[in-house]
N, C-alpha and C. Protein backbone atom coordinates (compact mmCIF):
# COMPACT_ATOMS: atom_id res chain seq x y z
N MET A 1 134.61 155.12 87.90
CA MET A 1 133.99 155.70 86.73
C MET A 1 132.56 155.16 86.58
N GLU A 2 131.64 156.06 86.31
CA GLU A 2 130.25 155.67 86.14
C GLU A 2 130.02 155.22 84.70
N LEU A 3 129.45 154.04 84.56
CA LEU A 3 129.17 153.49 83.23
C LEU A 3 127.72 153.76 82.85
N LYS A 4 127.46 153.78 81.57
CA LYS A 4 126.10 153.95 81.07
C LYS A 4 125.41 152.60 81.04
N ILE A 5 124.09 152.63 81.17
CA ILE A 5 123.29 151.41 81.06
C ILE A 5 122.73 151.36 79.64
N TYR A 6 122.92 150.23 78.99
CA TYR A 6 122.42 150.03 77.63
C TYR A 6 121.52 148.79 77.64
N TRP A 7 120.28 148.95 77.21
CA TRP A 7 119.34 147.84 77.12
C TRP A 7 119.35 147.32 75.68
N THR A 8 119.66 146.04 75.52
CA THR A 8 119.64 145.44 74.18
C THR A 8 118.19 145.36 73.69
N ASP A 9 118.04 145.17 72.40
CA ASP A 9 116.69 145.02 71.85
C ASP A 9 115.97 143.84 72.49
N PHE A 10 116.71 142.75 72.72
CA PHE A 10 116.10 141.57 73.34
C PHE A 10 115.61 141.88 74.75
N SER A 11 116.43 142.57 75.54
CA SER A 11 116.02 142.88 76.92
C SER A 11 114.84 143.86 76.94
N LYS A 12 114.81 144.79 75.99
CA LYS A 12 113.67 145.71 75.90
C LYS A 12 112.40 144.95 75.57
N GLN A 13 112.51 143.97 74.67
CA GLN A 13 111.35 143.17 74.32
C GLN A 13 110.86 142.34 75.52
N GLU A 14 111.80 141.83 76.28
CA GLU A 14 111.41 141.07 77.49
C GLU A 14 110.68 141.98 78.49
N LEU A 15 111.16 143.22 78.66
CA LEU A 15 110.46 144.17 79.54
C LEU A 15 109.05 144.44 79.02
N LYS A 16 108.92 144.59 77.73
CA LYS A 16 107.60 144.82 77.14
C LYS A 16 106.69 143.62 77.38
N ASN A 17 107.24 142.42 77.23
CA ASN A 17 106.45 141.20 77.48
C ASN A 17 105.99 141.14 78.93
N ILE A 18 106.86 141.51 79.85
CA ILE A 18 106.50 141.52 81.28
C ILE A 18 105.39 142.54 81.52
N PHE A 19 105.56 143.73 80.95
CA PHE A 19 104.55 144.78 81.10
C PHE A 19 103.20 144.30 80.56
N ASP A 20 103.21 143.76 79.35
CA ASP A 20 101.97 143.31 78.72
C ASP A 20 101.29 142.22 79.54
N TYR A 21 102.09 141.30 80.06
CA TYR A 21 101.52 140.21 80.87
C TYR A 21 100.80 140.77 82.10
N TYR A 22 101.48 141.62 82.86
CA TYR A 22 100.87 142.13 84.09
C TYR A 22 99.73 143.10 83.82
N LYS A 23 99.79 143.78 82.69
CA LYS A 23 98.69 144.68 82.31
C LYS A 23 97.42 143.87 82.10
N GLU A 24 97.55 142.70 81.48
CA GLU A 24 96.39 141.84 81.22
C GLU A 24 95.96 141.05 82.46
N GLU A 25 96.93 140.53 83.21
CA GLU A 25 96.63 139.64 84.33
C GLU A 25 96.35 140.36 85.64
N ALA A 26 96.84 141.58 85.77
CA ALA A 26 96.65 142.33 87.02
C ALA A 26 96.05 143.70 86.70
N SER A 27 96.90 144.68 86.48
CA SER A 27 96.44 146.03 86.12
C SER A 27 97.61 146.80 85.52
N ILE A 28 97.28 147.91 84.91
CA ILE A 28 98.33 148.74 84.32
C ILE A 28 99.26 149.28 85.39
N ASN A 29 98.73 149.58 86.58
CA ASN A 29 99.59 150.08 87.67
C ASN A 29 100.57 149.02 88.15
N VAL A 30 100.12 147.79 88.26
CA VAL A 30 101.01 146.69 88.65
C VAL A 30 102.09 146.52 87.59
N ALA A 31 101.70 146.55 86.32
CA ALA A 31 102.65 146.40 85.22
C ALA A 31 103.70 147.50 85.26
N LYS A 32 103.26 148.75 85.44
CA LYS A 32 104.20 149.88 85.51
C LYS A 32 105.16 149.72 86.68
N ASN A 33 104.65 149.34 87.84
CA ASN A 33 105.49 149.21 89.04
C ASN A 33 106.54 148.13 88.90
N ILE A 34 106.18 147.02 88.29
CA ILE A 34 107.15 145.94 88.12
C ILE A 34 108.25 146.36 87.16
N VAL A 35 107.88 146.93 86.03
CA VAL A 35 108.88 147.36 85.05
C VAL A 35 109.74 148.48 85.63
N LEU A 36 109.13 149.40 86.35
CA LEU A 36 109.89 150.47 86.99
C LEU A 36 110.87 149.90 88.03
N GLY A 37 110.44 148.92 88.79
CA GLY A 37 111.31 148.28 89.77
C GLY A 37 112.51 147.60 89.12
N ILE A 38 112.27 146.94 88.00
CA ILE A 38 113.35 146.28 87.27
C ILE A 38 114.35 147.32 86.76
N THR A 39 113.86 148.40 86.19
CA THR A 39 114.77 149.41 85.64
C THR A 39 115.53 150.15 86.74
N LYS A 40 114.89 150.36 87.89
CA LYS A 40 115.59 150.99 89.01
C LYS A 40 116.69 150.08 89.56
N GLU A 41 116.39 148.81 89.62
CA GLU A 41 117.40 147.84 90.09
C GLU A 41 118.60 147.85 89.15
N ALA A 42 118.33 147.86 87.85
CA ALA A 42 119.41 147.88 86.87
C ALA A 42 120.22 149.18 86.95
N ALA A 43 119.57 150.28 87.30
CA ALA A 43 120.26 151.57 87.40
C ALA A 43 121.33 151.57 88.48
N LYS A 44 121.21 150.70 89.47
CA LYS A 44 122.23 150.59 90.52
C LYS A 44 123.59 150.22 89.94
N LEU A 45 123.58 149.59 88.79
CA LEU A 45 124.82 149.13 88.17
C LEU A 45 125.69 150.28 87.67
N LYS A 46 125.11 151.45 87.47
CA LYS A 46 125.89 152.60 86.99
C LYS A 46 127.10 152.87 87.88
N LYS A 47 126.88 152.81 89.18
CA LYS A 47 127.95 153.13 90.13
C LYS A 47 128.65 151.89 90.69
N HIS A 48 127.96 150.77 90.66
CA HIS A 48 128.50 149.54 91.26
C HIS A 48 128.30 148.38 90.29
N SER A 49 129.07 148.37 89.23
CA SER A 49 128.84 147.44 88.12
C SER A 49 129.06 145.97 88.46
N ILE A 50 129.83 145.67 89.47
CA ILE A 50 130.10 144.25 89.76
C ILE A 50 129.34 143.74 90.98
N ILE A 51 128.25 144.42 91.37
CA ILE A 51 127.49 143.95 92.53
C ILE A 51 126.73 142.66 92.25
N GLY A 52 126.47 142.40 90.98
CA GLY A 52 125.74 141.18 90.64
C GLY A 52 126.62 139.95 90.73
N GLN A 53 125.97 138.82 90.95
CA GLN A 53 126.68 137.54 90.99
C GLN A 53 126.94 137.06 89.57
N GLU A 54 127.94 136.21 89.42
CA GLU A 54 128.22 135.61 88.11
C GLU A 54 127.11 134.63 87.77
N GLU A 55 126.69 134.64 86.52
CA GLU A 55 125.64 133.73 86.06
C GLU A 55 126.27 132.42 85.61
N GLU A 56 126.14 131.40 86.43
CA GLU A 56 126.77 130.11 86.17
C GLU A 56 126.24 129.43 84.91
N LEU A 57 124.97 129.63 84.59
CA LEU A 57 124.40 128.97 83.42
C LEU A 57 124.94 129.54 82.11
N LEU A 58 125.56 130.70 82.16
CA LEU A 58 126.13 131.32 80.96
C LEU A 58 127.64 131.46 81.08
N ASP A 59 128.26 130.64 81.92
CA ASP A 59 129.69 130.80 82.20
C ASP A 59 130.60 130.44 81.02
N ARG A 60 130.07 129.80 80.01
CA ARG A 60 130.90 129.46 78.84
C ARG A 60 131.02 130.63 77.87
N ASP A 61 130.19 131.63 78.06
CA ASP A 61 130.25 132.81 77.20
C ASP A 61 131.38 133.72 77.68
N PRO A 62 132.24 134.18 76.79
CA PRO A 62 133.40 134.99 77.21
C PRO A 62 133.04 136.37 77.77
N ARG A 63 131.80 136.80 77.63
CA ARG A 63 131.42 138.13 78.11
C ARG A 63 131.34 138.23 79.63
N GLY A 64 131.28 137.11 80.31
CA GLY A 64 131.27 137.15 81.78
C GLY A 64 129.97 137.72 82.33
N PHE A 65 128.86 137.07 82.02
CA PHE A 65 127.56 137.55 82.45
C PHE A 65 127.40 137.53 83.97
N ARG A 66 126.72 138.54 84.47
CA ARG A 66 126.39 138.66 85.88
C ARG A 66 124.89 138.91 85.97
N TYR A 67 124.35 138.89 87.18
CA TYR A 67 122.92 139.17 87.31
C TYR A 67 122.58 139.82 88.64
N LEU A 68 121.50 140.57 88.60
CA LEU A 68 120.85 141.11 89.79
C LEU A 68 119.47 140.48 89.83
N VAL A 69 118.86 140.43 91.01
CA VAL A 69 117.52 139.88 91.14
C VAL A 69 116.57 140.98 91.60
N TYR A 70 115.44 141.06 90.93
CA TYR A 70 114.34 141.92 91.36
C TYR A 70 113.09 141.06 91.33
N LYS A 71 112.52 140.84 92.50
CA LYS A 71 111.35 139.96 92.67
C LYS A 71 111.64 138.62 92.02
N ASN A 72 110.87 138.24 90.98
CA ASN A 72 111.06 136.94 90.32
C ASN A 72 111.92 137.04 89.06
N TYR A 73 112.63 138.13 88.91
CA TYR A 73 113.35 138.36 87.66
C TYR A 73 114.85 138.49 87.86
N LYS A 74 115.59 137.85 86.97
CA LYS A 74 117.05 138.02 86.91
C LYS A 74 117.33 139.05 85.83
N ILE A 75 118.09 140.05 86.17
CA ILE A 75 118.52 141.05 85.21
C ILE A 75 119.94 140.63 84.80
N ILE A 76 120.05 140.05 83.63
CA ILE A 76 121.32 139.50 83.15
C ILE A 76 122.07 140.61 82.41
N TYR A 77 123.33 140.82 82.78
CA TYR A 77 124.11 141.88 82.16
C TYR A 77 125.57 141.50 82.04
N TRP A 78 126.29 142.30 81.27
CA TRP A 78 127.74 142.16 81.18
C TRP A 78 128.34 143.55 81.04
N ILE A 79 129.58 143.66 81.42
CA ILE A 79 130.27 144.94 81.39
C ILE A 79 131.06 145.01 80.08
N ASN A 80 130.65 145.92 79.22
CA ASN A 80 131.31 146.11 77.93
C ASN A 80 132.33 147.24 78.10
N SER A 81 133.55 146.87 78.41
CA SER A 81 134.60 147.84 78.69
C SER A 81 134.95 148.68 77.47
N GLU A 82 134.90 148.06 76.30
CA GLU A 82 135.22 148.80 75.07
C GLU A 82 134.29 149.98 74.86
N GLU A 83 133.00 149.74 75.09
CA GLU A 83 131.99 150.78 74.88
C GLU A 83 131.74 151.61 76.14
N LYS A 84 132.37 151.22 77.25
CA LYS A 84 132.20 151.88 78.55
C LYS A 84 130.73 151.93 78.97
N ARG A 85 130.14 150.73 78.93
CA ARG A 85 128.73 150.63 79.31
C ARG A 85 128.42 149.25 79.87
N ILE A 86 127.31 149.20 80.56
CA ILE A 86 126.78 147.94 81.06
C ILE A 86 125.63 147.57 80.14
N GLU A 87 125.70 146.39 79.57
CA GLU A 87 124.68 145.96 78.63
C GLU A 87 123.72 145.00 79.33
N ILE A 88 122.47 145.41 79.42
CA ILE A 88 121.43 144.53 79.96
C ILE A 88 121.07 143.58 78.82
N PHE A 89 121.38 142.33 79.03
CA PHE A 89 121.27 141.30 78.00
C PHE A 89 119.90 140.63 78.00
N ASP A 90 119.33 140.46 79.19
CA ASP A 90 118.07 139.72 79.32
C ASP A 90 117.42 140.07 80.64
N VAL A 91 116.11 139.94 80.70
CA VAL A 91 115.36 139.97 81.95
C VAL A 91 114.61 138.65 81.98
N PHE A 92 115.02 137.77 82.87
CA PHE A 92 114.59 136.38 82.86
C PHE A 92 113.71 136.08 84.06
N ASP A 93 112.54 135.54 83.81
CA ASP A 93 111.62 135.14 84.88
C ASP A 93 112.14 133.85 85.51
N THR A 94 112.52 133.91 86.77
CA THR A 94 113.14 132.77 87.44
C THR A 94 112.16 131.64 87.73
N ARG A 95 110.89 131.84 87.45
CA ARG A 95 109.92 130.76 87.64
C ARG A 95 109.93 129.80 86.45
N GLN A 96 110.68 130.14 85.41
CA GLN A 96 110.82 129.26 84.25
C GLN A 96 111.93 128.24 84.50
N ASN A 97 111.97 127.25 83.64
CA ASN A 97 113.05 126.28 83.69
C ASN A 97 114.37 127.01 83.45
N PRO A 98 115.36 126.86 84.32
CA PRO A 98 116.62 127.59 84.17
C PRO A 98 117.33 127.36 82.84
N THR A 99 117.14 126.23 82.22
CA THR A 99 117.81 126.00 80.94
C THR A 99 117.28 126.92 79.84
N LYS A 100 116.12 127.50 80.01
CA LYS A 100 115.59 128.45 79.05
C LYS A 100 116.42 129.72 79.00
N LEU A 101 117.23 129.95 80.01
CA LEU A 101 118.10 131.12 80.05
C LEU A 101 119.08 131.09 78.88
N MET A 102 119.40 129.91 78.41
CA MET A 102 120.36 129.76 77.33
C MET A 102 119.71 129.83 75.96
N ARG A 103 118.46 130.31 75.89
CA ARG A 103 117.76 130.41 74.62
C ARG A 103 118.49 131.36 73.68
N VAL A 104 118.23 131.20 72.42
CA VAL A 104 118.90 132.03 71.40
C VAL A 104 118.36 133.44 71.47
N LYS A 105 119.27 134.41 71.43
CA LYS A 105 118.87 135.82 71.51
C LYS A 105 119.34 136.54 70.29
């Protein structure tokens, strides 16, 4: 069964932050390409929801977070069976300290 992709408000804000950063530091085309790449990577989850690895830093959370990697970014998600969707929880820049992944959302 194909699940829908749902981006949380927090993950949408992170995408916007990524876009804004690259728009200022590189160009609008670079910003668009990076955000498009992240969203295309996440779209793979529609048909293959468990292709991501389990996120060990969030293993205490009962939702069972998994992640995909696109360039320097972890796309953190969980499978919400009740709602029949994949919820993109966070887009995390892996160049940061890994403990920041546990920040309050």
